[in-house]
Amino acid sequence: MISIKDLSKNYGTNSVLKHINIDLKKGNVYGIVGENGAGKTTFFNCLSGIEKYKGKIDSVKNLKDIIGFLQTEFYFFPKITGREYIQLLLNARDVGVENIDQRNIFDLPLDKYAMNYSTGMKKKLALTAILLQENTVFILDEPFNGVDIQSNIIITEIIHQLKKLNKLVIISSHIFSTLATTCDEIHVLKEGSFVKKVMKEDFEALEDEMKAKTLLNTIDKLELK
């Protein structure tokens, strides 16, 4: 559904994304992993149209009209309630929802100002809004961080349901177990390039490899006593 050819992004002389080529298909859940600064968020921003880029992103429809992007950091207008925020995003897609309260699965205080929500509540509000937009493509940047255990369970099941509905889902997470239970394949991003594609049967080996690289001599340096 989405074909990305030679995608590159520079900030001045700093090359953040380097000639990325990948095809993303409906009905699949893709995980993106990489160290901080690898380029994950920049990749998502380019895909969603927030950032300008070099290269080509082809899709059957204009991606801006079908993408629901859950960002790691949210902006809410001052003095806008959770209900008004959801309605604003619904209006942007010309989607009508008669009973928002019935679909408030996270039990959010919709009539309170969103800017006063906790970090986890803001994330759940933003997720609820993009789900109700009836998007075809979902980009979820760290959807599990800062959210309680019960909500993590719900979000995992939501991702499974989106797959059943033939949606295209792209996730980044530093919590490998959440990727292992939701993704069909994982792509490793390193210094702005995809260096490895891993299918579900090899997820455990990838996790072991990542742990080994991270922990090698690291803990010993603390000289814990």
N, C-alpha and C. Protein backbone atom coordinates (compact mmCIF):
# COMPACT_ATOMS: atom_id res chain seq x y z
N MET A 1 0.83 -1.21 0.00
CA MET A 1 0.00 0.00 0.00
C MET A 1 0.85 1.25 0.00
N ILE A 2 1.98 1.22 0.71
CA ILE A 2 2.89 2.35 0.72
C ILE A 2 4.25 1.87 0.23
N SER A 3 4.76 2.54 -0.77
CA SER A 3 6.08 2.19 -1.31
C SER A 3 7.02 3.37 -1.12
N ILE A 4 8.09 3.14 -0.38
CA ILE A 4 9.06 4.20 -0.07
C ILE A 4 10.34 3.94 -0.84
N LYS A 5 10.76 4.91 -1.63
CA LYS A 5 11.93 4.76 -2.47
C LYS A 5 12.94 5.87 -2.19
N ASP A 6 14.13 5.46 -1.79
CA ASP A 6 15.27 6.37 -1.65
C ASP A 6 14.96 7.56 -0.75
N LEU A 7 14.28 7.31 0.35
CA LEU A 7 13.89 8.37 1.28
C LEU A 7 15.11 8.85 2.07
N SER A 8 15.36 10.14 2.01
CA SER A 8 16.49 10.74 2.74
C SER A 8 16.03 12.04 3.38
N LYS A 9 16.66 12.36 4.51
CA LYS A 9 16.34 13.59 5.22
C LYS A 9 17.60 14.15 5.86
N ASN A 10 17.89 15.41 5.56
CA ASN A 10 19.04 16.09 6.14
C ASN A 10 18.57 17.30 6.93
N TYR A 11 19.27 17.58 8.03
CA TYR A 11 19.13 18.84 8.73
C TYR A 11 20.48 19.55 8.58
N GLY A 12 20.54 20.44 7.61
CA GLY A 12 21.83 21.05 7.31
C GLY A 12 22.78 20.00 6.76
N THR A 13 23.92 19.84 7.40
CA THR A 13 24.89 18.84 6.97
C THR A 13 24.69 17.50 7.68
N ASN A 14 23.71 17.45 8.59
CA ASN A 14 23.46 16.23 9.36
C ASN A 14 22.47 15.34 8.61
N SER A 15 22.93 14.19 8.17
CA SER A 15 22.08 13.25 7.44
C SER A 15 21.39 12.32 8.43
N VAL A 16 20.07 12.49 8.58
CA VAL A 16 19.31 11.73 9.58
C VAL A 16 18.73 10.45 9.00
N LEU A 17 18.22 10.51 7.77
CA LEU A 17 17.72 9.34 7.06
C LEU A 17 18.50 9.19 5.76
N LYS A 18 18.89 7.96 5.44
CA LYS A 18 19.79 7.74 4.30
C LYS A 18 19.23 6.68 3.35
N HIS A 19 18.62 7.12 2.28
CA HIS A 19 18.23 6.24 1.17
C HIS A 19 17.43 5.02 1.64
N ILE A 20 16.33 5.28 2.32
CA ILE A 20 15.49 4.20 2.83
C ILE A 20 14.56 3.68 1.74
N ASN A 21 14.50 2.36 1.62
CA ASN A 21 13.60 1.70 0.67
C ASN A 21 12.83 0.62 1.42
N ILE A 22 11.52 0.72 1.38
CA ILE A 22 10.70 -0.28 2.07
C ILE A 22 9.28 -0.23 1.51
N ASP A 23 8.63 -1.39 1.42
CA ASP A 23 7.22 -1.49 1.04
C ASP A 23 6.41 -1.93 2.24
N LEU A 24 5.32 -1.23 2.51
CA LEU A 24 4.46 -1.50 3.66
C LEU A 24 3.07 -1.86 3.15
N LYS A 25 2.54 -2.99 3.61
CA LYS A 25 1.28 -3.51 3.06
C LYS A 25 0.17 -3.53 4.10
N LYS A 26 -1.05 -3.36 3.62
CA LYS A 26 -2.22 -3.43 4.49
C LYS A 26 -2.33 -4.80 5.16
N GLY A 27 -2.88 -4.79 6.36
CA GLY A 27 -3.07 -6.03 7.08
C GLY A 27 -1.83 -6.51 7.81
N ASN A 28 -0.78 -5.69 7.80
CA ASN A 28 0.46 -6.04 8.49
C ASN A 28 0.78 -5.03 9.57
N VAL A 29 1.48 -5.51 10.61
CA VAL A 29 1.97 -4.65 11.68
C VAL A 29 3.49 -4.67 11.63
N TYR A 30 4.08 -3.48 11.45
CA TYR A 30 5.52 -3.35 11.32
C TYR A 30 6.11 -2.69 12.57
N GLY A 31 7.15 -3.29 13.11
CA GLY A 31 7.85 -2.69 14.23
C GLY A 31 9.12 -2.03 13.75
N ILE A 32 9.42 -0.86 14.30
CA ILE A 32 10.65 -0.13 13.99
C ILE A 32 11.44 0.01 15.29
N VAL A 33 12.65 -0.53 15.32
CA VAL A 33 13.48 -0.43 16.50
C VAL A 33 14.81 0.22 16.16
N GLY A 34 15.42 0.82 17.15
CA GLY A 34 16.71 1.47 16.96
C GLY A 34 17.05 2.29 18.19
N GLU A 35 18.31 2.59 18.35
CA GLU A 35 18.74 3.40 19.49
C GLU A 35 18.21 4.82 19.37
N ASN A 36 18.23 5.56 20.47
CA ASN A 36 17.85 6.97 20.43
C ASN A 36 18.73 7.69 19.40
N GLY A 37 18.09 8.47 18.54
CA GLY A 37 18.83 9.19 17.51
C GLY A 37 19.01 8.42 16.23
N ALA A 38 18.43 7.21 16.15
CA ALA A 38 18.58 6.40 14.94
C ALA A 38 17.79 6.96 13.77
N GLY A 39 16.74 7.76 14.08
CA GLY A 39 15.94 8.36 13.01
C GLY A 39 14.50 7.90 12.97
N LYS A 40 14.04 7.20 14.00
CA LYS A 40 12.68 6.65 13.99
C LYS A 40 11.62 7.74 13.88
N THR A 41 11.68 8.73 14.76
CA THR A 41 10.66 9.78 14.77
C THR A 41 10.73 10.61 13.49
N THR A 42 11.93 10.87 12.98
CA THR A 42 12.06 11.60 11.72
C THR A 42 11.43 10.81 10.59
N PHE A 43 11.64 9.50 10.58
CA PHE A 43 11.01 8.64 9.57
C PHE A 43 9.50 8.75 9.64
N PHE A 44 8.95 8.71 10.84
CA PHE A 44 7.50 8.83 11.00
C PHE A 44 7.01 10.21 10.55
N ASN A 45 7.75 11.25 10.88
CA ASN A 45 7.37 12.60 10.49
C ASN A 45 7.35 12.77 8.97
N CYS A 46 8.31 12.17 8.30
CA CYS A 46 8.35 12.23 6.83
C CYS A 46 7.17 11.47 6.25
N LEU A 47 6.91 10.30 6.80
CA LEU A 47 5.83 9.46 6.30
C LEU A 47 4.47 10.13 6.46
N SER A 48 4.31 10.85 7.55
CA SER A 48 3.02 11.50 7.83
C SER A 48 2.89 12.88 7.17
N GLY A 49 3.98 13.36 6.55
CA GLY A 49 3.93 14.64 5.86
C GLY A 49 4.30 15.83 6.71
N ILE A 50 4.73 15.61 7.95
CA ILE A 50 5.12 16.71 8.82
C ILE A 50 6.46 17.30 8.37
N GLU A 51 7.37 16.43 7.92
CA GLU A 51 8.70 16.87 7.49
C GLU A 51 8.84 16.75 5.97
N LYS A 52 9.55 17.69 5.37
CA LYS A 52 9.91 17.57 3.96
C LYS A 52 11.07 16.59 3.84
N TYR A 53 11.20 15.98 2.69
CA TYR A 53 12.22 14.94 2.52
C TYR A 53 12.60 14.84 1.03
N LYS A 54 13.67 14.10 0.80
CA LYS A 54 14.05 13.74 -0.56
C LYS A 54 13.69 12.28 -0.78
N GLY A 55 13.37 11.93 -2.01
CA GLY A 55 12.94 10.58 -2.31
C GLY A 55 11.47 10.55 -2.67
N LYS A 56 10.87 9.37 -2.61
CA LYS A 56 9.49 9.22 -3.06
C LYS A 56 8.71 8.31 -2.12
N ILE A 57 7.50 8.73 -1.77
CA ILE A 57 6.58 7.91 -1.00
C ILE A 57 5.29 7.79 -1.81
N ASP A 58 5.02 6.59 -2.31
CA ASP A 58 3.84 6.35 -3.13
C ASP A 58 2.77 5.62 -2.33
N SER A 59 1.52 6.04 -2.52
CA SER A 59 0.39 5.41 -1.87
C SER A 59 -0.83 5.53 -2.77
N VAL A 60 -1.78 4.61 -2.57
CA VAL A 60 -3.01 4.65 -3.38
C VAL A 60 -3.76 5.96 -3.14
N LYS A 61 -3.77 6.43 -1.89
CA LYS A 61 -4.44 7.67 -1.53
C LYS A 61 -3.44 8.63 -0.89
N ASN A 62 -3.83 9.90 -0.81
CA ASN A 62 -3.00 10.89 -0.13
C ASN A 62 -2.85 10.49 1.33
N LEU A 63 -1.62 10.24 1.75
CA LEU A 63 -1.39 9.72 3.10
C LEU A 63 -1.90 10.65 4.19
N LYS A 64 -1.84 11.95 3.94
CA LYS A 64 -2.32 12.90 4.96
C LYS A 64 -3.79 12.67 5.30
N ASP A 65 -4.53 12.10 4.36
CA ASP A 65 -5.97 11.90 4.54
C ASP A 65 -6.32 10.58 5.20
N ILE A 66 -5.34 9.68 5.34
CA ILE A 66 -5.66 8.35 5.84
C ILE A 66 -4.77 7.91 7.01
N ILE A 67 -3.82 8.76 7.41
CA ILE A 67 -2.90 8.39 8.49
C ILE A 67 -3.38 8.92 9.84
N GLY A 68 -3.37 8.04 10.84
CA GLY A 68 -3.54 8.45 12.22
C GLY A 68 -2.19 8.34 12.90
N PHE A 69 -1.63 9.45 13.33
CA PHE A 69 -0.27 9.48 13.86
C PHE A 69 -0.31 9.76 15.35
N LEU A 70 0.06 8.77 16.14
CA LEU A 70 0.19 8.94 17.59
C LEU A 70 1.63 9.33 17.88
N GLN A 71 1.85 10.60 18.17
CA GLN A 71 3.20 11.09 18.40
C GLN A 71 3.62 10.87 19.86
N THR A 72 4.92 10.94 20.10
CA THR A 72 5.41 10.77 21.47
C THR A 72 5.10 11.99 22.32
N GLU A 73 5.05 13.15 21.69
CA GLU A 73 4.73 14.39 22.40
C GLU A 73 3.47 15.00 21.78
N PHE A 74 2.57 15.44 22.63
CA PHE A 74 1.28 15.92 22.16
C PHE A 74 1.15 17.42 22.39
N TYR A 75 0.40 18.05 21.51
CA TYR A 75 0.07 19.46 21.74
C TYR A 75 -1.45 19.57 21.81
N PHE A 76 -1.91 20.23 22.85
CA PHE A 76 -3.34 20.48 23.00
C PHE A 76 -3.55 21.98 23.16
N PHE A 77 -4.49 22.51 22.43
CA PHE A 77 -4.81 23.93 22.59
C PHE A 77 -5.22 24.21 24.04
N PRO A 78 -4.86 25.38 24.55
CA PRO A 78 -5.29 25.73 25.90
C PRO A 78 -6.82 25.77 26.00
N LYS A 79 -7.32 25.27 27.10
CA LYS A 79 -8.75 25.30 27.39
C LYS A 79 -9.59 24.59 26.33
N ILE A 80 -9.07 23.45 25.83
CA ILE A 80 -9.88 22.58 24.99
C ILE A 80 -10.09 21.29 25.79
N THR A 81 -11.31 20.86 25.89
CA THR A 81 -11.61 19.65 26.66
C THR A 81 -11.27 18.41 25.84
N GLY A 82 -11.20 17.27 26.53
CA GLY A 82 -10.96 16.02 25.81
C GLY A 82 -12.02 15.77 24.75
N ARG A 83 -13.26 16.07 25.08
CA ARG A 83 -14.36 15.86 24.13
C ARG A 83 -14.19 16.77 22.91
N GLU A 84 -13.82 18.02 23.16
CA GLU A 84 -13.64 18.96 22.05
C GLU A 84 -12.46 18.57 21.18
N TYR A 85 -11.42 18.02 21.81
CA TYR A 85 -10.25 17.56 21.03
C TYR A 85 -10.65 16.42 20.08
N ILE A 86 -11.38 15.45 20.61
CA ILE A 86 -11.84 14.35 19.76
C ILE A 86 -12.71 14.87 18.63
N GLN A 87 -13.63 15.79 18.95
CA GLN A 87 -14.52 16.33 17.94
C GLN A 87 -13.75 17.10 16.88
N LEU A 88 -12.70 17.80 17.29
CA LEU A 88 -11.87 18.55 16.34
C LEU A 88 -11.23 17.60 15.32
N LEU A 89 -10.69 16.49 15.81
CA LEU A 89 -10.05 15.53 14.90
C LEU A 89 -11.08 14.82 14.02
N LEU A 90 -12.27 14.58 14.56
CA LEU A 90 -13.33 13.98 13.75
C LEU A 90 -13.77 14.93 12.64
N ASN A 91 -13.88 16.22 12.97
CA ASN A 91 -14.25 17.21 11.96
C ASN A 91 -13.21 17.29 10.85
N ALA A 92 -11.95 17.12 11.21
CA ALA A 92 -10.87 17.19 10.22
C ALA A 92 -11.00 16.07 9.18
N ARG A 93 -11.59 14.95 9.55
CA ARG A 93 -11.80 13.83 8.63
C ARG A 93 -13.24 13.75 8.13
N ASP A 94 -14.07 14.70 8.57
CA ASP A 94 -15.49 14.70 8.21
C ASP A 94 -16.17 13.39 8.62
N VAL A 95 -15.86 12.95 9.84
CA VAL A 95 -16.42 11.71 10.37
C VAL A 95 -17.38 12.06 11.50
N GLY A 96 -18.54 11.47 11.48
CA GLY A 96 -19.53 11.72 12.52
C GLY A 96 -19.61 10.58 13.52
N VAL A 97 -19.54 10.89 14.79
CA VAL A 97 -19.70 9.89 15.85
C VAL A 97 -20.77 10.40 16.79
N GLU A 98 -21.87 9.65 16.90
CA GLU A 98 -23.02 10.13 17.67
C GLU A 98 -22.79 10.08 19.17
N ASN A 99 -22.13 9.03 19.64
CA ASN A 99 -21.99 8.87 21.09
C ASN A 99 -20.53 8.66 21.44
N ILE A 100 -19.81 9.76 21.68
CA ILE A 100 -18.40 9.68 22.03
C ILE A 100 -18.21 9.02 23.40
N ASP A 101 -19.14 9.28 24.32
CA ASP A 101 -19.01 8.71 25.66
C ASP A 101 -18.99 7.18 25.62
N GLN A 102 -19.79 6.60 24.75
CA GLN A 102 -19.87 5.15 24.64
C GLN A 102 -18.54 4.57 24.14
N ARG A 103 -17.79 5.35 23.40
CA ARG A 103 -16.52 4.87 22.83
C ARG A 103 -15.32 5.32 23.66
N ASN A 104 -15.58 5.89 24.81
CA ASN A 104 -14.52 6.34 25.70
C ASN A 104 -14.01 5.15 26.51
N ILE A 105 -13.30 4.23 25.85
CA ILE A 105 -12.94 2.96 26.46
C ILE A 105 -11.90 3.11 27.57
N PHE A 106 -11.18 4.25 27.60
CA PHE A 106 -10.18 4.48 28.64
C PHE A 106 -10.74 5.27 29.82
N ASP A 107 -12.04 5.52 29.80
CA ASP A 107 -12.71 6.25 30.90
C ASP A 107 -12.04 7.59 31.19
N LEU A 108 -11.79 8.35 30.16
CA LEU A 108 -11.15 9.66 30.31
C LEU A 108 -12.17 10.71 30.74
N PRO A 109 -11.74 11.69 31.52
CA PRO A 109 -12.64 12.78 31.91
C PRO A 109 -12.80 13.77 30.75
N LEU A 110 -13.68 13.44 29.83
CA LEU A 110 -13.75 14.17 28.56
C LEU A 110 -14.16 15.63 28.70
N ASP A 111 -14.79 15.99 29.77
CA ASP A 111 -15.23 17.37 29.93
C ASP A 111 -14.24 18.23 30.72
N LYS A 112 -13.07 17.69 31.00
CA LYS A 112 -12.00 18.46 31.62
C LYS A 112 -10.98 18.86 30.57
N TYR A 113 -10.21 19.90 30.87
CA TYR A 113 -9.21 20.39 29.92
C TYR A 113 -8.14 19.34 29.67
N ALA A 114 -7.85 19.08 28.39
CA ALA A 114 -6.87 18.06 28.02
C ALA A 114 -5.47 18.43 28.50
N MET A 115 -5.16 19.73 28.53
CA MET A 115 -3.82 20.16 28.93
C MET A 115 -3.53 19.80 30.39
N ASN A 116 -4.59 19.53 31.17
CA ASN A 116 -4.40 19.16 32.57
C ASN A 116 -4.36 17.65 32.77
N TYR A 117 -4.48 16.88 31.70
CA TYR A 117 -4.40 15.43 31.80
C TYR A 117 -2.98 15.01 32.17
N SER A 118 -2.83 13.84 32.74
CA SER A 118 -1.51 13.25 32.93
C SER A 118 -0.96 12.83 31.57
N THR A 119 0.33 12.49 31.54
CA THR A 119 0.95 12.07 30.28
C THR A 119 0.25 10.85 29.70
N GLY A 120 -0.05 9.88 30.54
CA GLY A 120 -0.74 8.68 30.07
C GLY A 120 -2.13 8.97 29.56
N MET A 121 -2.86 9.85 30.23
CA MET A 121 -4.20 10.21 29.79
C MET A 121 -4.17 10.94 28.46
N LYS A 122 -3.18 11.82 28.27
CA LYS A 122 -3.05 12.52 26.99
C LYS A 122 -2.82 11.54 25.85
N LYS A 123 -1.98 10.54 26.12
CA LYS A 123 -1.70 9.53 25.09
C LYS A 123 -2.97 8.76 24.73
N LYS A 124 -3.72 8.39 25.75
CA LYS A 124 -4.96 7.63 25.51
C LYS A 124 -6.00 8.49 24.80
N LEU A 125 -6.04 9.78 25.09
CA LEU A 125 -6.96 10.68 24.40
C LEU A 125 -6.59 10.79 22.92
N ALA A 126 -5.30 11.00 22.66
CA ALA A 126 -4.85 11.12 21.27
C ALA A 126 -5.10 9.84 20.50
N LEU A 127 -4.87 8.69 21.14
CA LEU A 127 -5.11 7.41 20.48
C LEU A 127 -6.59 7.22 20.18
N THR A 128 -7.43 7.53 21.15
CA THR A 128 -8.88 7.42 20.93
C THR A 128 -9.33 8.25 19.74
N ALA A 129 -8.81 9.47 19.65
CA ALA A 129 -9.22 10.38 18.57
C ALA A 129 -8.83 9.84 17.20
N ILE A 130 -7.59 9.34 17.05
CA ILE A 130 -7.19 8.86 15.72
C ILE A 130 -7.89 7.55 15.37
N LEU A 131 -8.26 6.76 16.38
CA LEU A 131 -9.02 5.54 16.10
C LEU A 131 -10.42 5.87 15.60
N LEU A 132 -11.05 6.86 16.21
CA LEU A 132 -12.41 7.23 15.80
C LEU A 132 -12.43 7.93 14.44
N GLN A 133 -11.27 8.38 13.96
CA GLN A 133 -11.19 9.01 12.64
C GLN A 133 -11.37 8.01 11.49
N GLU A 134 -11.34 6.74 11.80
CA GLU A 134 -11.48 5.68 10.78
C GLU A 134 -10.35 5.72 9.76
N ASN A 135 -9.12 5.89 10.24
CA ASN A 135 -7.96 5.92 9.35
C ASN A 135 -7.65 4.53 8.80
N THR A 136 -6.86 4.52 7.73
CA THR A 136 -6.43 3.27 7.10
C THR A 136 -5.03 2.89 7.55
N VAL A 137 -4.21 3.90 7.85
CA VAL A 137 -2.82 3.70 8.26
C VAL A 137 -2.64 4.32 9.64
N PHE A 138 -1.94 3.59 10.51
CA PHE A 138 -1.67 4.08 11.86
C PHE A 138 -0.18 4.03 12.15
N ILE A 139 0.36 5.17 12.59
CA ILE A 139 1.74 5.24 13.06
C ILE A 139 1.69 5.48 14.56
N LEU A 140 2.22 4.54 15.31
CA LEU A 140 2.16 4.61 16.77
C LEU A 140 3.59 4.70 17.30
N ASP A 141 4.00 5.91 17.69
CA ASP A 141 5.36 6.15 18.17
C ASP A 141 5.37 6.00 19.69
N GLU A 142 5.93 4.91 20.16
CA GLU A 142 5.98 4.59 21.59
C GLU A 142 4.59 4.62 22.25
N PRO A 143 3.66 3.82 21.75
CA PRO A 143 2.29 3.86 22.30
C PRO A 143 2.17 3.31 23.72
N PHE A 144 3.14 2.50 24.16
CA PHE A 144 3.02 1.85 25.47
C PHE A 144 3.72 2.61 26.60
N ASN A 145 4.56 3.56 26.26
CA ASN A 145 5.30 4.30 27.29
C ASN A 145 4.38 5.22 28.08
N GLY A 146 4.54 5.22 29.41
CA GLY A 146 3.79 6.13 30.26
C GLY A 146 2.34 5.75 30.47
N VAL A 147 1.97 4.53 30.08
CA VAL A 147 0.57 4.09 30.17
C VAL A 147 0.48 2.93 31.15
N ASP A 148 -0.59 2.88 31.92
CA ASP A 148 -0.74 1.83 32.93
C ASP A 148 -0.91 0.45 32.29
N ILE A 149 -0.73 -0.58 33.11
CA ILE A 149 -0.73 -1.96 32.61
C ILE A 149 -2.04 -2.32 31.94
N GLN A 150 -3.16 -1.94 32.54
CA GLN A 150 -4.47 -2.27 31.96
C GLN A 150 -4.63 -1.63 30.58
N SER A 151 -4.18 -0.40 30.45
CA SER A 151 -4.29 0.28 29.16
C SER A 151 -3.35 -0.33 28.12
N ASN A 152 -2.18 -0.80 28.57
CA ASN A 152 -1.26 -1.49 27.65
C ASN A 152 -1.92 -2.74 27.07
N ILE A 153 -2.65 -3.46 27.91
CA ILE A 153 -3.37 -4.65 27.44
C ILE A 153 -4.40 -4.26 26.39
N ILE A 154 -5.12 -3.17 26.66
CA ILE A 154 -6.15 -2.70 25.72
C ILE A 154 -5.50 -2.27 24.40
N ILE A 155 -4.40 -1.53 24.48
CA ILE A 155 -3.73 -1.05 23.27
C ILE A 155 -3.22 -2.22 22.44
N THR A 156 -2.70 -3.24 23.11
CA THR A 156 -2.25 -4.44 22.38
C THR A 156 -3.40 -5.07 21.62
N GLU A 157 -4.54 -5.19 22.26
CA GLU A 157 -5.71 -5.79 21.60
C GLU A 157 -6.24 -4.90 20.48
N ILE A 158 -6.13 -3.59 20.65
CA ILE A 158 -6.53 -2.66 19.58
C ILE A 158 -5.68 -2.90 18.34
N ILE A 159 -4.38 -3.08 18.54
CA ILE A 159 -3.48 -3.32 17.40
C ILE A 159 -3.85 -4.63 16.70
N HIS A 160 -4.15 -5.66 17.47
CA HIS A 160 -4.59 -6.93 16.87
C HIS A 160 -5.87 -6.73 16.05
N GLN A 161 -6.78 -5.92 16.59
CA GLN A 161 -8.05 -5.68 15.89
C GLN A 161 -7.82 -4.88 14.60
N LEU A 162 -6.91 -3.91 14.65
CA LEU A 162 -6.61 -3.13 13.44
C LEU A 162 -6.05 -4.05 12.35
N LYS A 163 -5.23 -5.00 12.74
CA LYS A 163 -4.70 -5.96 11.77
C LYS A 163 -5.84 -6.77 11.15
N LYS A 164 -6.78 -7.23 11.98
CA LYS A 164 -7.92 -8.00 11.47
C LYS A 164 -8.76 -7.17 10.49
N LEU A 165 -8.79 -5.86 10.72
CA LEU A 165 -9.56 -4.96 9.85
C LEU A 165 -8.77 -4.55 8.60
N ASN A 166 -7.61 -5.19 8.40
CA ASN A 166 -6.78 -4.95 7.22
C ASN A 166 -6.17 -3.55 7.19
N LYS A 167 -5.94 -2.98 8.37
CA LYS A 167 -5.25 -1.70 8.45
C LYS A 167 -3.74 -1.92 8.37
N LEU A 168 -3.02 -0.86 8.10
CA LEU A 168 -1.56 -0.90 8.11
C LEU A 168 -1.10 -0.19 9.37
N VAL A 169 -0.31 -0.88 10.19
CA VAL A 169 0.12 -0.33 11.48
C VAL A 169 1.64 -0.35 11.55
N ILE A 170 2.21 0.77 11.96
CA ILE A 170 3.66 0.89 12.15
C ILE A 170 3.90 1.35 13.59
N ILE A 171 4.74 0.61 14.31
CA ILE A 171 4.95 0.87 15.73
C ILE A 171 6.44 1.01 16.03
N SER A 172 6.77 1.95 16.89
CA SER A 172 8.10 1.94 17.51
C SER A 172 7.90 1.74 19.00
N SER A 173 8.81 1.01 19.61
CA SER A 173 8.73 0.80 21.06
C SER A 173 10.09 0.36 21.57
N HIS A 174 10.43 0.84 22.78
CA HIS A 174 11.64 0.37 23.44
C HIS A 174 11.34 -0.85 24.31
N ILE A 175 10.07 -1.23 24.37
CA ILE A 175 9.66 -2.41 25.12
C ILE A 175 9.51 -3.56 24.13
N PHE A 176 10.53 -4.40 24.03
CA PHE A 176 10.57 -5.39 22.96
C PHE A 176 9.40 -6.37 23.04
N SER A 177 8.98 -6.71 24.24
CA SER A 177 7.91 -7.70 24.39
C SER A 177 6.62 -7.23 23.72
N THR A 178 6.36 -5.93 23.72
CA THR A 178 5.14 -5.42 23.09
C THR A 178 5.23 -5.56 21.57
N LEU A 179 6.41 -5.40 21.02
CA LEU A 179 6.59 -5.59 19.58
C LEU A 179 6.44 -7.06 19.22
N ALA A 180 7.00 -7.93 20.05
CA ALA A 180 6.95 -9.37 19.77
C ALA A 180 5.53 -9.90 19.73
N THR A 181 4.64 -9.30 20.55
CA THR A 181 3.26 -9.80 20.62
C THR A 181 2.34 -9.13 19.60
N THR A 182 2.82 -8.09 18.92
CA THR A 182 1.93 -7.37 17.99
C THR A 182 2.40 -7.37 16.54
N CYS A 183 3.70 -7.49 16.30
CA CYS A 183 4.24 -7.23 14.96
C CYS A 183 4.35 -8.50 14.11
N ASP A 184 4.24 -8.31 12.80
CA ASP A 184 4.51 -9.37 11.83
C ASP A 184 5.98 -9.39 11.44
N GLU A 185 6.59 -8.22 11.41
CA GLU A 185 8.02 -8.12 11.12
C GLU A 185 8.58 -6.87 11.79
N ILE A 186 9.86 -6.92 12.08
CA ILE A 186 10.55 -5.81 12.74
C ILE A 186 11.71 -5.36 11.87
N HIS A 187 11.85 -4.05 11.72
CA HIS A 187 12.95 -3.48 10.95
C HIS A 187 13.85 -2.69 11.89
N VAL A 188 15.13 -2.96 11.80
CA VAL A 188 16.11 -2.32 12.67
C VAL A 188 16.69 -1.10 11.95
N LEU A 189 16.52 0.07 12.58
CA LEU A 189 17.01 1.32 12.03
C LEU A 189 18.29 1.71 12.77
N LYS A 190 19.35 1.94 12.02
CA LYS A 190 20.63 2.30 12.61
C LYS A 190 21.26 3.42 11.81
N GLU A 191 21.52 4.54 12.51
CA GLU A 191 22.16 5.71 11.88
C GLU A 191 21.48 6.11 10.58
N GLY A 192 20.13 6.07 10.60
CA GLY A 192 19.35 6.57 9.48
C GLY A 192 19.09 5.59 8.36
N SER A 193 19.46 4.32 8.54
CA SER A 193 19.24 3.31 7.50
C SER A 193 18.67 2.04 8.12
N PHE A 194 17.82 1.35 7.36
CA PHE A 194 17.35 0.04 7.80
C PHE A 194 18.45 -0.98 7.51
N VAL A 195 18.91 -1.63 8.55
CA VAL A 195 20.03 -2.56 8.40
C VAL A 195 19.60 -4.02 8.53
N LYS A 196 18.39 -4.26 8.99
CA LYS A 196 17.95 -5.64 9.16
C LYS A 196 16.43 -5.72 9.16
N LYS A 197 15.91 -6.77 8.52
CA LYS A 197 14.49 -7.11 8.55
C LYS A 197 14.35 -8.45 9.24
N VAL A 198 13.51 -8.52 10.26
CA VAL A 198 13.39 -9.73 11.07
C VAL A 198 11.92 -10.18 11.07
N MET A 199 11.69 -11.45 10.71
CA MET A 199 10.34 -12.00 10.73
C MET A 199 10.04 -12.59 12.10
N LYS A 200 8.77 -12.88 12.33
CA LYS A 200 8.29 -13.26 13.66
C LYS A 200 9.06 -14.45 14.25
N GLU A 201 9.39 -15.43 13.42
CA GLU A 201 10.06 -16.62 13.94
C GLU A 201 11.47 -16.32 14.48
N ASP A 202 12.01 -15.16 14.13
CA ASP A 202 13.36 -14.80 14.57
C ASP A 202 13.37 -13.66 15.59
N PHE A 203 12.18 -13.28 16.13
CA PHE A 203 12.11 -12.18 17.10
C PHE A 203 12.95 -12.48 18.35
N GLU A 204 12.89 -13.71 18.83
CA GLU A 204 13.61 -14.04 20.06
C GLU A 204 15.11 -13.88 19.86
N ALA A 205 15.60 -14.30 18.70
CA ALA A 205 17.03 -14.15 18.42
C ALA A 205 17.42 -12.69 18.34
N LEU A 206 16.54 -11.86 17.77
CA LEU A 206 16.82 -10.42 17.69
C LEU A 206 16.87 -9.81 19.08
N GLU A 207 15.92 -10.19 19.95
CA GLU A 207 15.92 -9.67 21.31
C GLU A 207 17.20 -10.06 22.05
N ASP A 208 17.63 -11.30 21.89
CA ASP A 208 18.87 -11.75 22.54
C ASP A 208 20.06 -10.96 22.01
N GLU A 209 20.07 -10.70 20.72
CA GLU A 209 21.17 -9.94 20.11
C GLU A 209 21.22 -8.52 20.63
N MET A 210 20.03 -7.89 20.74
CA MET A 210 19.97 -6.52 21.23
C MET A 210 20.38 -6.44 22.70
N LYS A 211 19.95 -7.42 23.50
CA LYS A 211 20.34 -7.45 24.91
C LYS A 211 21.84 -7.60 25.05
N ALA A 212 22.41 -8.48 24.25
CA ALA A 212 23.85 -8.72 24.34
C ALA A 212 24.65 -7.47 24.01
N LYS A 213 24.22 -6.75 22.97
CA LYS A 213 24.92 -5.53 22.59
C LYS A 213 24.78 -4.44 23.65
N THR A 214 23.60 -4.39 24.27
CA THR A 214 23.33 -3.35 25.26
C THR A 214 24.05 -3.61 26.58
N LEU A 215 24.04 -4.87 26.99
CA LEU A 215 24.54 -5.21 28.32
C LEU A 215 26.03 -5.53 28.37
N LEU A 216 26.63 -5.77 27.21
CA LEU A 216 28.04 -6.15 27.18
C LEU A 216 28.91 -5.12 27.89
N ASN A 217 29.45 -5.50 29.02
CA ASN A 217 30.35 -4.67 29.82
C ASN A 217 29.68 -3.42 30.42
N THR A 218 28.40 -3.19 30.12
CA THR A 218 27.74 -1.97 30.59
C THR A 218 27.53 -1.99 32.11
N ILE A 219 26.92 -3.05 32.60
CA ILE A 219 26.61 -3.15 34.03
C ILE A 219 27.88 -3.17 34.86
N ASP A 220 28.90 -3.85 34.33
CA ASP A 220 30.17 -3.94 35.08
C ASP A 220 30.78 -2.58 35.35
N LYS A 221 30.53 -1.64 34.44
CA LYS A 221 31.11 -0.31 34.60
C LYS A 221 30.60 0.41 35.85
N LEU A 222 29.41 0.01 36.32
CA LEU A 222 28.86 0.64 37.53
C LEU A 222 29.63 0.22 38.78
N GLU A 223 30.28 -0.94 38.69
CA GLU A 223 31.00 -1.47 39.85
C GLU A 223 30.10 -1.53 41.09
N LEU A 224 28.92 -2.13 40.89
CA LEU A 224 27.94 -2.22 41.98
C LEU A 224 28.49 -3.09 43.11
N LYS A 225 28.19 -2.67 44.37
CA LYS A 225 28.65 -3.39 45.55
C LYS A 225 27.50 -3.60 46.52
